[in-house]
Amino acid sequence: MTGGWRSRATDQVVVCSRGALVELTAVLPAAGRFVVARLDATRMTDADHVFYEFSDALCFPGYFGWNWNALSDCLRDLNWLPAEGYLVVVENAPRLLPTSAEDRHTLFQILAQAVHHWASPFGQPEFTVLLLCDHDDEAALLRQEIADAVHRMR
């Protein structure tokens, strides 16, 4: 693996540039049904658009509450979308929530909590978030921002 990809064991949310080589075995379950949700950060300009994009991509149920707590709850439930693994890919990740650093950090915290929630000693189901950047330097900055956001929640 190249291009700044770091081990799954050390990352809560994986960030890499488009030029990085990604081993499918690192982001997809070995067998069974899996769900891939592809989102575009350029459409997630504010919190409401984040909620819409996640709801649409992961077919959130009608009771989704359209707020940060509801997003967190749904990402840690997913019983309406059963699978052995989930891969959430966010393209153009540096462009997420460009006008609100606070909302950005909240989203990063929620994504990290969801990855942590789904982590189990048995590895089922797997839940991976992959944030794609255009360049390695953007990926490095985004990794640091996520680390800072996660550190602040402890």
N, C-alpha and C. Protein backbone atom coordinates (compact mmCIF):
# COMPACT_ATOMS: atom_id res chain seq x y z
N MET A 1 0.86 -1.18 0.00
CA MET A 1 0.00 0.00 0.00
C MET A 1 0.89 1.23 0.00
N THR A 2 0.49 2.26 -0.73
CA THR A 2 1.32 3.45 -0.85
C THR A 2 0.48 4.70 -0.69
N GLY A 3 1.13 5.83 -0.83
CA GLY A 3 0.42 7.10 -0.88
C GLY A 3 -0.14 7.56 0.44
N GLY A 4 0.54 7.23 1.56
CA GLY A 4 0.08 7.73 2.84
C GLY A 4 -1.00 6.89 3.49
N TRP A 5 -1.29 5.73 2.95
CA TRP A 5 -2.27 4.83 3.55
C TRP A 5 -1.68 4.31 4.85
N ARG A 6 -2.46 4.34 5.91
CA ARG A 6 -1.96 3.83 7.18
C ARG A 6 -2.75 2.62 7.58
N SER A 7 -2.21 1.84 8.44
CA SER A 7 -2.82 0.59 8.88
C SER A 7 -4.20 0.80 9.46
N ARG A 8 -5.10 -0.10 9.11
CA ARG A 8 -6.47 -0.03 9.61
C ARG A 8 -6.51 -0.07 11.13
N ALA A 9 -5.59 -0.76 11.73
CA ALA A 9 -5.58 -0.88 13.19
C ALA A 9 -5.32 0.45 13.87
N THR A 10 -4.64 1.37 13.20
CA THR A 10 -4.32 2.64 13.84
C THR A 10 -5.23 3.77 13.42
N ASP A 11 -6.00 3.60 12.36
CA ASP A 11 -6.89 4.66 11.88
C ASP A 11 -8.32 4.36 12.27
N GLN A 12 -9.03 5.38 12.74
CA GLN A 12 -10.45 5.22 12.96
C GLN A 12 -11.20 5.55 11.69
N VAL A 13 -10.75 6.54 11.01
CA VAL A 13 -11.31 6.93 9.72
C VAL A 13 -10.14 6.98 8.75
N VAL A 14 -10.23 6.25 7.65
CA VAL A 14 -9.13 6.15 6.70
C VAL A 14 -9.17 7.33 5.74
N VAL A 15 -8.04 7.99 5.56
CA VAL A 15 -7.91 9.12 4.64
C VAL A 15 -6.79 8.79 3.67
N CYS A 16 -7.08 8.93 2.38
CA CYS A 16 -6.01 8.72 1.40
C CYS A 16 -6.28 9.58 0.17
N SER A 17 -5.21 9.75 -0.61
CA SER A 17 -5.35 10.49 -1.85
C SER A 17 -5.82 9.55 -2.94
N ARG A 18 -6.35 10.11 -4.01
CA ARG A 18 -6.83 9.31 -5.14
C ARG A 18 -5.71 8.47 -5.75
N GLY A 19 -4.48 8.92 -5.62
CA GLY A 19 -3.36 8.20 -6.19
C GLY A 19 -2.88 7.03 -5.34
N ALA A 20 -3.40 6.91 -4.12
CA ALA A 20 -2.97 5.83 -3.24
C ALA A 20 -3.55 4.50 -3.72
N LEU A 21 -2.78 3.45 -3.52
CA LEU A 21 -3.27 2.11 -3.80
C LEU A 21 -3.98 1.60 -2.56
N VAL A 22 -5.21 1.15 -2.73
CA VAL A 22 -5.99 0.66 -1.59
C VAL A 22 -6.23 -0.82 -1.79
N GLU A 23 -5.82 -1.62 -0.83
CA GLU A 23 -6.10 -3.04 -0.89
C GLU A 23 -7.55 -3.27 -0.51
N LEU A 24 -8.30 -3.91 -1.40
CA LEU A 24 -9.72 -4.15 -1.13
C LEU A 24 -9.92 -4.95 0.14
N THR A 25 -9.01 -5.85 0.46
CA THR A 25 -9.16 -6.65 1.68
C THR A 25 -9.07 -5.79 2.93
N ALA A 26 -8.51 -4.59 2.80
CA ALA A 26 -8.41 -3.70 3.96
C ALA A 26 -9.69 -2.93 4.20
N VAL A 27 -10.57 -2.83 3.19
CA VAL A 27 -11.78 -2.03 3.36
C VAL A 27 -13.08 -2.80 3.16
N LEU A 28 -13.01 -4.03 2.64
CA LEU A 28 -14.21 -4.83 2.42
C LEU A 28 -14.12 -6.13 3.20
N PRO A 29 -15.25 -6.67 3.63
CA PRO A 29 -15.22 -7.96 4.31
C PRO A 29 -14.79 -9.06 3.35
N ALA A 30 -14.28 -10.15 3.91
CA ALA A 30 -13.77 -11.24 3.08
C ALA A 30 -14.87 -11.90 2.26
N ALA A 31 -16.07 -11.98 2.81
CA ALA A 31 -17.17 -12.64 2.10
C ALA A 31 -18.49 -12.07 2.60
N GLY A 32 -19.55 -12.42 1.91
CA GLY A 32 -20.87 -12.01 2.35
C GLY A 32 -21.35 -10.75 1.68
N ARG A 33 -22.50 -10.31 2.13
CA ARG A 33 -23.13 -9.11 1.57
C ARG A 33 -22.50 -7.87 2.19
N PHE A 34 -22.16 -6.90 1.34
CA PHE A 34 -21.65 -5.65 1.87
C PHE A 34 -22.34 -4.49 1.17
N VAL A 35 -22.36 -3.37 1.84
CA VAL A 35 -22.99 -2.16 1.34
C VAL A 35 -21.90 -1.12 1.12
N VAL A 36 -21.91 -0.51 -0.05
CA VAL A 36 -20.99 0.58 -0.35
C VAL A 36 -21.82 1.83 -0.55
N ALA A 37 -21.57 2.84 0.26
CA ALA A 37 -22.26 4.12 0.14
C ALA A 37 -21.24 5.14 -0.33
N ARG A 38 -21.54 5.77 -1.44
CA ARG A 38 -20.62 6.75 -2.02
C ARG A 38 -21.23 8.14 -1.90
N LEU A 39 -20.50 9.05 -1.26
CA LEU A 39 -20.97 10.41 -1.05
C LEU A 39 -19.97 11.39 -1.64
N ASP A 40 -20.45 12.57 -1.98
CA ASP A 40 -19.60 13.62 -2.53
C ASP A 40 -19.62 14.80 -1.58
N ALA A 41 -18.46 15.11 -1.02
CA ALA A 41 -18.36 16.20 -0.04
C ALA A 41 -18.73 17.56 -0.62
N THR A 42 -18.62 17.71 -1.94
CA THR A 42 -18.96 19.01 -2.53
C THR A 42 -20.45 19.30 -2.36
N ARG A 43 -21.25 18.27 -2.12
CA ARG A 43 -22.68 18.47 -1.88
C ARG A 43 -22.99 18.69 -0.41
N MET A 44 -22.01 18.49 0.45
CA MET A 44 -22.23 18.60 1.90
C MET A 44 -21.68 19.93 2.41
N THR A 45 -22.37 21.00 2.03
CA THR A 45 -21.92 22.35 2.34
C THR A 45 -22.38 22.84 3.71
N ASP A 46 -23.38 22.19 4.28
CA ASP A 46 -23.86 22.54 5.61
C ASP A 46 -24.42 21.26 6.25
N ALA A 47 -24.78 21.36 7.53
CA ALA A 47 -25.25 20.19 8.27
C ALA A 47 -26.45 19.54 7.61
N ASP A 48 -27.42 20.33 7.16
CA ASP A 48 -28.61 19.75 6.54
C ASP A 48 -28.26 18.91 5.32
N HIS A 49 -27.30 19.37 4.52
CA HIS A 49 -26.90 18.61 3.35
C HIS A 49 -26.12 17.34 3.73
N VAL A 50 -25.38 17.40 4.84
CA VAL A 50 -24.71 16.20 5.34
C VAL A 50 -25.76 15.16 5.71
N PHE A 51 -26.79 15.59 6.45
CA PHE A 51 -27.84 14.65 6.86
C PHE A 51 -28.53 14.05 5.64
N TYR A 52 -28.81 14.88 4.66
CA TYR A 52 -29.49 14.40 3.45
C TYR A 52 -28.62 13.38 2.72
N GLU A 53 -27.36 13.69 2.51
CA GLU A 53 -26.47 12.81 1.75
C GLU A 53 -26.31 11.46 2.44
N PHE A 54 -26.11 11.45 3.77
CA PHE A 54 -25.98 10.18 4.49
C PHE A 54 -27.31 9.42 4.47
N SER A 55 -28.40 10.13 4.68
CA SER A 55 -29.71 9.49 4.67
C SER A 55 -30.00 8.85 3.32
N ASP A 56 -29.69 9.56 2.27
CA ASP A 56 -29.94 9.05 0.92
C ASP A 56 -29.03 7.86 0.60
N ALA A 57 -27.75 7.98 0.92
CA ALA A 57 -26.78 6.94 0.58
C ALA A 57 -26.99 5.65 1.36
N LEU A 58 -27.46 5.77 2.61
CA LEU A 58 -27.62 4.60 3.46
C LEU A 58 -29.09 4.26 3.74
N CYS A 59 -29.98 4.89 2.98
CA CYS A 59 -31.42 4.58 3.07
C CYS A 59 -31.94 4.65 4.50
N PHE A 60 -31.61 5.75 5.20
CA PHE A 60 -32.06 5.90 6.58
C PHE A 60 -33.57 5.76 6.67
N PRO A 61 -34.06 5.22 7.78
CA PRO A 61 -35.50 5.04 7.95
C PRO A 61 -36.22 6.37 8.15
N GLY A 62 -37.52 6.35 8.02
CA GLY A 62 -38.34 7.56 8.12
C GLY A 62 -38.24 8.27 9.46
N TYR A 63 -37.84 7.56 10.50
CA TYR A 63 -37.74 8.19 11.82
C TYR A 63 -36.42 8.94 12.03
N PHE A 64 -35.56 8.99 11.00
CA PHE A 64 -34.31 9.73 11.12
C PHE A 64 -34.62 11.17 11.53
N GLY A 65 -33.93 11.68 12.55
CA GLY A 65 -34.26 12.96 13.16
C GLY A 65 -33.61 14.19 12.57
N TRP A 66 -32.79 14.07 11.54
CA TRP A 66 -32.18 15.20 10.85
C TRP A 66 -31.39 16.11 11.78
N ASN A 67 -30.58 15.50 12.64
CA ASN A 67 -29.66 16.24 13.51
C ASN A 67 -28.44 15.35 13.77
N TRP A 68 -27.42 15.90 14.44
CA TRP A 68 -26.18 15.17 14.65
C TRP A 68 -26.39 13.91 15.47
N ASN A 69 -27.21 13.99 16.53
CA ASN A 69 -27.46 12.80 17.36
C ASN A 69 -28.13 11.71 16.54
N ALA A 70 -29.06 12.08 15.70
CA ALA A 70 -29.76 11.09 14.87
C ALA A 70 -28.80 10.47 13.86
N LEU A 71 -27.90 11.26 13.28
CA LEU A 71 -26.92 10.72 12.36
C LEU A 71 -26.04 9.70 13.08
N SER A 72 -25.58 10.06 14.26
CA SER A 72 -24.76 9.14 15.04
C SER A 72 -25.51 7.85 15.35
N ASP A 73 -26.76 7.98 15.78
CA ASP A 73 -27.57 6.79 16.10
C ASP A 73 -27.74 5.89 14.89
N CYS A 74 -28.06 6.46 13.74
CA CYS A 74 -28.29 5.66 12.54
C CYS A 74 -27.01 4.97 12.06
N LEU A 75 -25.88 5.67 12.13
CA LEU A 75 -24.63 5.06 11.70
C LEU A 75 -24.21 3.91 12.62
N ARG A 76 -24.71 3.92 13.86
CA ARG A 76 -24.37 2.85 14.79
C ARG A 76 -25.47 1.79 14.88
N ASP A 77 -26.47 1.88 14.02
CA ASP A 77 -27.57 0.91 14.04
C ASP A 77 -27.58 0.11 12.73
N LEU A 78 -28.07 0.69 11.67
CA LEU A 78 -28.10 0.09 10.33
C LEU A 78 -28.85 -1.23 10.25
N ASN A 79 -29.77 -1.50 11.20
CA ASN A 79 -30.52 -2.77 11.16
C ASN A 79 -31.46 -2.87 9.97
N TRP A 80 -31.81 -1.77 9.35
CA TRP A 80 -32.68 -1.77 8.17
C TRP A 80 -31.88 -2.09 6.90
N LEU A 81 -30.57 -2.19 7.03
CA LEU A 81 -29.69 -2.42 5.89
C LEU A 81 -28.66 -3.50 6.28
N PRO A 82 -29.14 -4.71 6.55
CA PRO A 82 -28.24 -5.75 7.07
C PRO A 82 -27.15 -6.14 6.07
N ALA A 83 -25.94 -6.30 6.59
CA ALA A 83 -24.80 -6.68 5.75
C ALA A 83 -23.67 -7.17 6.65
N GLU A 84 -22.71 -7.84 6.04
CA GLU A 84 -21.51 -8.26 6.76
C GLU A 84 -20.49 -7.13 6.83
N GLY A 85 -20.68 -6.12 6.00
CA GLY A 85 -19.76 -5.01 6.02
C GLY A 85 -20.33 -3.79 5.33
N TYR A 86 -19.83 -2.64 5.75
CA TYR A 86 -20.26 -1.35 5.21
C TYR A 86 -19.01 -0.55 4.86
N LEU A 87 -19.02 0.05 3.71
CA LEU A 87 -17.94 0.94 3.28
C LEU A 87 -18.58 2.26 2.89
N VAL A 88 -18.23 3.32 3.61
CA VAL A 88 -18.72 4.66 3.31
C VAL A 88 -17.54 5.42 2.69
N VAL A 89 -17.70 5.79 1.43
CA VAL A 89 -16.65 6.51 0.70
C VAL A 89 -17.11 7.95 0.51
N VAL A 90 -16.30 8.88 0.99
CA VAL A 90 -16.60 10.30 0.81
C VAL A 90 -15.54 10.88 -0.11
N GLU A 91 -15.96 11.21 -1.33
CA GLU A 91 -15.04 11.82 -2.30
C GLU A 91 -14.94 13.32 -2.04
N ASN A 92 -13.83 13.91 -2.46
CA ASN A 92 -13.59 15.35 -2.28
C ASN A 92 -13.67 15.75 -0.81
N ALA A 93 -13.17 14.90 0.06
CA ALA A 93 -13.32 15.07 1.51
C ALA A 93 -12.83 16.43 2.05
N PRO A 94 -11.78 17.03 1.53
CA PRO A 94 -11.37 18.33 2.08
C PRO A 94 -12.43 19.42 1.91
N ARG A 95 -13.42 19.18 1.05
CA ARG A 95 -14.44 20.19 0.80
C ARG A 95 -15.68 20.01 1.69
N LEU A 96 -15.61 19.10 2.65
CA LEU A 96 -16.71 18.89 3.60
C LEU A 96 -16.94 20.14 4.44
N LEU A 97 -18.18 20.53 4.58
CA LEU A 97 -18.58 21.60 5.49
C LEU A 97 -17.59 22.76 5.52
N PRO A 98 -17.42 23.45 4.41
CA PRO A 98 -16.36 24.46 4.30
C PRO A 98 -16.52 25.69 5.18
N THR A 99 -17.71 25.98 5.66
CA THR A 99 -17.91 27.20 6.43
C THR A 99 -18.04 26.96 7.93
N SER A 100 -17.96 25.71 8.38
CA SER A 100 -18.11 25.45 9.81
C SER A 100 -17.13 24.38 10.30
N ALA A 101 -16.04 24.84 10.89
CA ALA A 101 -15.06 23.92 11.47
C ALA A 101 -15.69 23.11 12.59
N GLU A 102 -16.60 23.72 13.34
CA GLU A 102 -17.26 23.01 14.44
C GLU A 102 -18.10 21.84 13.91
N ASP A 103 -18.89 22.07 12.88
CA ASP A 103 -19.68 20.99 12.29
C ASP A 103 -18.79 19.92 11.68
N ARG A 104 -17.71 20.33 11.06
CA ARG A 104 -16.75 19.38 10.47
C ARG A 104 -16.20 18.45 11.55
N HIS A 105 -15.79 19.05 12.66
CA HIS A 105 -15.25 18.25 13.76
C HIS A 105 -16.31 17.34 14.35
N THR A 106 -17.54 17.83 14.43
CA THR A 106 -18.63 16.99 14.93
C THR A 106 -18.82 15.78 14.00
N LEU A 107 -18.80 16.01 12.70
CA LEU A 107 -18.95 14.90 11.75
C LEU A 107 -17.79 13.92 11.89
N PHE A 108 -16.57 14.41 12.01
CA PHE A 108 -15.42 13.51 12.16
C PHE A 108 -15.54 12.68 13.44
N GLN A 109 -16.02 13.31 14.51
CA GLN A 109 -16.21 12.58 15.76
C GLN A 109 -17.27 11.49 15.60
N ILE A 110 -18.36 11.81 14.93
CA ILE A 110 -19.44 10.84 14.71
C ILE A 110 -18.94 9.67 13.86
N LEU A 111 -18.19 9.96 12.82
CA LEU A 111 -17.66 8.90 11.97
C LEU A 111 -16.70 8.00 12.75
N ALA A 112 -15.83 8.61 13.55
CA ALA A 112 -14.89 7.83 14.37
C ALA A 112 -15.63 6.97 15.39
N GLN A 113 -16.69 7.53 16.00
CA GLN A 113 -17.48 6.75 16.96
C GLN A 113 -18.17 5.58 16.28
N ALA A 114 -18.66 5.79 15.07
CA ALA A 114 -19.34 4.70 14.35
C ALA A 114 -18.35 3.58 14.02
N VAL A 115 -17.16 3.95 13.55
CA VAL A 115 -16.14 2.94 13.26
C VAL A 115 -15.80 2.17 14.53
N HIS A 116 -15.61 2.89 15.61
CA HIS A 116 -15.29 2.25 16.90
C HIS A 116 -16.43 1.34 17.36
N HIS A 117 -17.66 1.79 17.20
CA HIS A 117 -18.84 1.01 17.61
C HIS A 117 -18.88 -0.33 16.89
N TRP A 118 -18.61 -0.31 15.58
CA TRP A 118 -18.71 -1.54 14.80
C TRP A 118 -17.50 -2.44 14.93
N ALA A 119 -16.41 -1.92 15.48
CA ALA A 119 -15.22 -2.76 15.66
C ALA A 119 -15.55 -3.83 16.68
N SER A 120 -15.23 -5.06 16.35
CA SER A 120 -15.48 -6.16 17.29
C SER A 120 -14.37 -7.18 17.13
N PRO A 121 -14.17 -8.00 18.15
CA PRO A 121 -13.12 -9.01 18.04
C PRO A 121 -13.41 -10.02 16.93
N PHE A 122 -14.65 -10.13 16.52
CA PHE A 122 -15.03 -11.09 15.48
C PHE A 122 -15.04 -10.47 14.10
N GLY A 123 -14.94 -9.15 14.01
CA GLY A 123 -14.85 -8.46 12.74
C GLY A 123 -16.13 -8.43 11.93
N GLN A 124 -17.28 -8.70 12.53
CA GLN A 124 -18.55 -8.71 11.80
C GLN A 124 -19.57 -7.86 12.53
N PRO A 125 -20.33 -7.04 11.90
CA PRO A 125 -20.03 -6.54 10.57
C PRO A 125 -18.90 -5.53 10.63
N GLU A 126 -18.27 -5.32 9.52
CA GLU A 126 -17.20 -4.34 9.43
C GLU A 126 -17.79 -3.01 8.96
N PHE A 127 -17.22 -1.93 9.45
CA PHE A 127 -17.68 -0.60 9.06
C PHE A 127 -16.44 0.25 8.83
N THR A 128 -16.26 0.68 7.60
CA THR A 128 -15.09 1.47 7.24
C THR A 128 -15.53 2.77 6.59
N VAL A 129 -14.88 3.85 6.98
CA VAL A 129 -15.10 5.15 6.34
C VAL A 129 -13.80 5.50 5.63
N LEU A 130 -13.91 5.78 4.34
CA LEU A 130 -12.77 6.13 3.51
C LEU A 130 -12.99 7.53 2.96
N LEU A 131 -12.14 8.45 3.36
CA LEU A 131 -12.22 9.83 2.90
C LEU A 131 -11.16 10.03 1.82
N LEU A 132 -11.61 10.41 0.63
CA LEU A 132 -10.69 10.57 -0.51
C LEU A 132 -10.35 12.04 -0.75
N CYS A 133 -9.07 12.28 -0.96
CA CYS A 133 -8.55 13.61 -1.26
C CYS A 133 -7.88 13.56 -2.63
N ASP A 134 -7.70 14.71 -3.25
CA ASP A 134 -7.03 14.76 -4.54
C ASP A 134 -5.53 14.59 -4.42
N HIS A 135 -4.94 15.07 -3.33
CA HIS A 135 -3.48 15.09 -3.20
C HIS A 135 -3.05 14.57 -1.83
N ASP A 136 -1.82 14.08 -1.76
CA ASP A 136 -1.28 13.54 -0.51
C ASP A 136 -1.22 14.60 0.59
N ASP A 137 -0.88 15.86 0.22
CA ASP A 137 -0.79 16.90 1.24
C ASP A 137 -2.16 17.20 1.85
N GLU A 138 -3.21 17.16 1.04
CA GLU A 138 -4.58 17.33 1.56
C GLU A 138 -4.93 16.20 2.52
N ALA A 139 -4.54 14.99 2.16
CA ALA A 139 -4.82 13.83 3.00
C ALA A 139 -4.12 13.96 4.35
N ALA A 140 -2.87 14.41 4.33
CA ALA A 140 -2.13 14.58 5.58
C ALA A 140 -2.80 15.62 6.47
N LEU A 141 -3.22 16.74 5.90
CA LEU A 141 -3.90 17.78 6.68
C LEU A 141 -5.22 17.27 7.25
N LEU A 142 -5.96 16.52 6.44
CA LEU A 142 -7.24 16.00 6.89
C LEU A 142 -7.06 14.97 8.00
N ARG A 143 -6.04 14.12 7.88
CA ARG A 143 -5.75 13.15 8.95
C ARG A 143 -5.49 13.86 10.26
N GLN A 144 -4.73 14.96 10.20
CA GLN A 144 -4.42 15.72 11.41
C GLN A 144 -5.68 16.36 11.99
N GLU A 145 -6.52 16.89 11.13
CA GLU A 145 -7.76 17.51 11.60
C GLU A 145 -8.66 16.48 12.27
N ILE A 146 -8.74 15.30 11.71
CA ILE A 146 -9.56 14.23 12.31
C ILE A 146 -8.97 13.82 13.65
N ALA A 147 -7.65 13.67 13.71
CA ALA A 147 -7.00 13.30 14.97
C ALA A 147 -7.29 14.36 16.05
N ASP A 148 -7.22 15.63 15.68
CA ASP A 148 -7.52 16.70 16.63
C ASP A 148 -8.97 16.63 17.10
N ALA A 149 -9.90 16.39 16.17
CA ALA A 149 -11.33 16.31 16.53
C ALA A 149 -11.58 15.14 17.45
N VAL A 150 -10.98 13.99 17.16
CA VAL A 150 -11.17 12.80 18.00
C VAL A 150 -10.54 13.01 19.36
N HIS A 151 -9.37 13.64 19.39
CA HIS A 151 -8.69 13.91 20.65
C HIS A 151 -9.54 14.82 21.55
N ARG A 152 -10.21 15.81 20.95
CA ARG A 152 -11.04 16.74 21.72
C ARG A 152 -12.25 16.06 22.35
N MET A 153 -12.69 14.93 21.79
CA MET A 153 -13.89 14.31 22.35
C MET A 153 -13.56 13.41 23.54
N ARG A 154 -12.29 13.16 23.78
CA ARG A 154 -11.91 12.28 24.91
C ARG A 154 -11.94 13.01 26.21
